[in-house]
Protein backbone atom coordinates (compact mmCIF):
# COMPACT_ATOMS: atom_id res chain seq x y z
CA MET A 1 -20.15 -81.53 -49.12
CA TYR A 2 -18.77 -82.29 -52.53
CA SER A 3 -18.38 -78.64 -53.53
CA ARG A 4 -16.73 -77.74 -50.16
CA SER A 5 -13.95 -80.42 -50.64
CA ARG A 6 -13.59 -79.44 -54.28
CA ASP A 7 -13.16 -75.81 -53.20
CA LEU A 8 -10.60 -76.77 -50.62
CA TRP A 9 -8.73 -78.76 -53.21
CA ARG A 10 -8.76 -75.80 -55.55
CA LEU A 11 -7.44 -73.53 -52.85
CA GLU A 12 -4.61 -75.95 -52.03
CA GLU A 13 -3.74 -76.23 -55.72
CA LEU A 14 -3.77 -72.45 -56.19
CA HIS A 15 -1.56 -72.02 -53.15
CA LEU A 16 0.97 -74.70 -54.42
CA LEU A 17 1.04 -73.10 -57.90
CA THR A 18 1.56 -69.63 -56.35
CA MET A 19 4.43 -70.88 -54.15
CA ALA A 20 6.04 -72.74 -57.07
CA ARG A 21 5.86 -69.51 -59.19
CA ILE A 22 7.46 -67.48 -56.41
CA MET A 23 10.22 -70.02 -55.81
CA GLU A 24 11.06 -70.18 -59.58
CA ASN A 25 11.27 -66.30 -59.67
CA SER A 26 13.57 -65.93 -56.65
CA SER A 27 17.26 -66.43 -56.62
CA SER A 28 19.24 -68.74 -54.34
CA SER A 29 20.36 -65.86 -52.10
CA LEU A 30 18.36 -64.03 -49.43
CA THR A 31 15.77 -62.17 -51.56
CA SER A 32 12.40 -60.72 -51.02
CA LEU A 33 9.89 -62.79 -52.94
CA THR A 34 6.89 -60.70 -53.85
CA LYS A 35 4.36 -58.41 -52.39
CA THR A 36 1.10 -60.31 -52.16
CA GLY A 37 -2.11 -59.07 -50.61
CA GLN A 38 -3.04 -56.24 -48.35
CA GLY A 39 -2.24 -56.59 -44.64
CA ARG A 40 -1.40 -54.36 -41.75
CA GLY A 41 1.33 -54.43 -39.17
CA ARG A 42 3.75 -56.50 -41.20
CA SER A 43 5.94 -55.96 -44.26
CA LYS A 44 4.74 -57.76 -47.30
CA LYS A 45 8.16 -59.13 -48.10
CA TYR A 46 8.67 -62.79 -47.59
CA TRP A 47 12.10 -64.34 -47.36
CA ARG A 48 13.41 -67.57 -48.89
CA GLU A 49 15.95 -68.41 -46.21
CA VAL A 50 15.95 -67.06 -42.65
CA ILE A 51 18.34 -67.82 -39.85
CA ARG A 52 17.46 -66.36 -36.46
CA ARG A 53 18.29 -66.83 -32.85
CA ASP A 54 15.32 -67.71 -30.69
CA MET A 55 15.31 -69.01 -27.14
CA GLU A 56 19.12 -69.38 -26.96
CA GLN A 57 19.39 -71.58 -30.04
CA LEU A 58 20.09 -71.02 -33.73
CA GLN A 59 17.21 -72.00 -35.94
CA LEU A 60 17.29 -72.54 -39.70
CA THR A 61 14.11 -71.65 -41.52
CA GLU A 62 13.77 -73.72 -44.61
CA TYR A 63 12.74 -71.86 -47.68
CA MET A 64 9.42 -73.51 -47.79
CA ILE A 65 6.87 -70.92 -46.67
CA LEU A 66 3.82 -72.62 -45.33
CA ASP A 67 1.57 -69.50 -45.33
CA ARG A 68 1.75 -65.76 -45.71
CA LYS A 69 2.59 -65.42 -42.02
CA VAL A 70 4.14 -68.82 -41.17
CA ALA A 71 7.45 -70.53 -42.00
CA LEU A 72 8.87 -73.94 -41.17
CA VAL A 73 11.86 -73.77 -38.86
CA ASP A 74 14.26 -76.36 -37.67
CA ALA A 75 17.46 -76.61 -35.58
CA PRO A 76 19.74 -79.42 -34.47
CA ASP A 77 18.45 -79.30 -30.93
CA MET A 78 14.69 -78.70 -31.57
CA VAL A 79 11.78 -80.36 -33.24
CA ARG A 80 10.83 -78.98 -36.75
CA SER A 81 7.86 -76.67 -36.27
CA GLN A 82 6.00 -73.68 -37.70
CA MET A 83 6.88 -70.09 -36.52
CA ASN A 84 5.27 -66.79 -37.32
CA PHE A 85 7.30 -64.31 -39.36
CA LYS A 86 6.85 -61.79 -36.58
CA ARG A 87 9.07 -63.84 -34.33
CA LEU A 88 11.77 -64.35 -36.91
CA SER A 89 14.70 -61.95 -37.45
CA LEU A 90 17.12 -62.07 -40.46
CA THR A 91 20.84 -62.41 -40.26
CA ASP A 92 23.50 -62.58 -43.07
CA ILE A 93 24.33 -66.17 -42.18
CA LYS A 94 23.23 -68.50 -44.94
CA ILE A 95 23.40 -72.30 -45.57
CA ASP A 96 22.80 -73.92 -48.89
CA ILE A 97 20.68 -76.97 -48.30
CA LYS A 98 18.03 -78.94 -50.11
CA ARG A 99 14.35 -78.37 -49.42
CA ILE A 100 13.35 -79.85 -46.11
CA PRO A 101 16.43 -81.81 -45.27
CA LYS A 102 16.61 -84.63 -42.67
CA LYS A 103 17.99 -83.73 -39.32
CA LYS A 104 21.39 -85.42 -39.95
CA THR A 105 21.79 -83.52 -43.20
CA LEU A 106 20.91 -80.23 -41.52
CA VAL A 107 23.42 -80.81 -38.72
CA ALA A 108 26.11 -81.69 -41.20
CA ALA A 109 25.44 -78.58 -43.32
CA MET A 110 25.42 -76.34 -40.24
CA GLU A 111 28.75 -77.87 -39.10
CA ALA A 112 30.23 -77.59 -42.53
CA SER A 113 29.36 -73.95 -42.91
CA ASP A 114 30.50 -73.19 -39.35
CA VAL A 115 27.28 -71.38 -38.36
CA LYS A 116 27.92 -71.45 -34.62
CA THR A 117 31.29 -69.64 -34.82
CA LYS A 118 29.86 -67.13 -37.37
CA TRP A 119 27.05 -66.41 -34.99
CA GLU A 120 29.31 -66.02 -31.89
CA SER A 121 31.69 -63.76 -33.84
CA SER A 122 28.81 -61.47 -34.91
CA SER A 123 28.10 -58.38 -32.77
CA TRP A 124 24.51 -59.50 -32.11
CA GLY A 125 25.74 -62.94 -30.96
CA ARG A 126 28.40 -61.58 -28.75
CA LYS A 127 25.86 -59.10 -27.20
CA LEU A 128 23.54 -61.97 -26.32
CA ILE A 129 26.37 -64.03 -24.95
CA VAL A 130 27.47 -61.14 -22.65
CA GLN A 131 23.80 -60.61 -21.54
CA LYS A 132 23.48 -64.31 -20.74
CA ARG A 133 26.74 -64.32 -18.82
CA ARG A 134 25.77 -61.24 -16.73
CA ALA A 135 22.40 -62.67 -15.92
CA SER A 136 24.02 -65.83 -14.59
CA LEU A 137 26.27 -63.91 -12.12
CA ASN A 138 25.53 -64.30 -8.37
CA ASP A 139 25.96 -61.54 -5.77
CA PHE A 140 29.59 -62.25 -5.04
CA ASP A 141 30.49 -62.43 -8.74
CA ARG A 142 28.93 -58.99 -9.26
CA PHE A 143 30.91 -57.70 -6.24
CA LYS A 144 34.21 -59.09 -7.79
CA LEU A 145 33.26 -57.54 -11.12
CA MET A 146 32.69 -54.14 -9.45
CA LEU A 147 36.20 -54.30 -7.70
CA ALA A 148 37.83 -55.25 -11.07
CA LYS A 149 36.29 -52.32 -12.75
CA ILE A 150 37.46 -49.97 -9.95
CA LYS A 151 41.06 -51.32 -10.35
CA ARG A 152 40.92 -50.89 -14.02
CA ALA A 153 39.69 -47.41 -13.76
CA GLY A 154 42.49 -46.58 -11.38
CA VAL A 155 45.15 -47.97 -13.72
CA VAL A 156 43.69 -46.03 -16.62
CA ARG A 157 43.60 -42.83 -14.46
CA GLN A 158 47.25 -43.24 -13.55
CA GLU A 159 48.38 -43.84 -17.11
CA LEU A 160 46.42 -40.84 -18.29
CA ALA A 161 48.02 -38.64 -15.64
CA LYS A 162 51.52 -39.80 -16.74
CA LEU A 163 50.76 -39.01 -20.33
CA LYS A 164 49.50 -35.54 -19.36
CA LYS A 165 52.65 -34.85 -17.40
CA GLU A 166 54.85 -35.90 -20.40
CA VAL A 167 52.84 -33.72 -22.81
CA ALA A 168 53.02 -30.74 -20.35
CA ALA A 169 56.82 -31.11 -19.85
């Protein structure tokens, strides 16, 4: 029993020392930390800060990496929890915060750096907004959209015909 708890203590200490060394060597920007260990299916690069969109909300991954495959994520409208790196996606949006901030500090930092508008102005964010909007259309809205597309195509066709006549004349 004593040797088992001692071994666990040594493993935890080794993990903390490794993480401290990795954090010291990495810069303050989005950087790959190091390649550690052999694995399959996933890249060996680990990221210091990650922001992703998951389940219709922005989530900020704090730069504390809990494990080789797990990071700590937090957002203003969710409870801080662990998430697997396979479910995370990188963006260029970055917030400078202290390690493991309180919820109030996190919300203030996200509002100060205007993350929501940056996300909505990105092509990925716009695409997801359009997908959500289209999924929420009912049958009559889809019918009105079809009619609007037909009208727009007719106007474009008429203008194109006018331009062709001008060029030909």
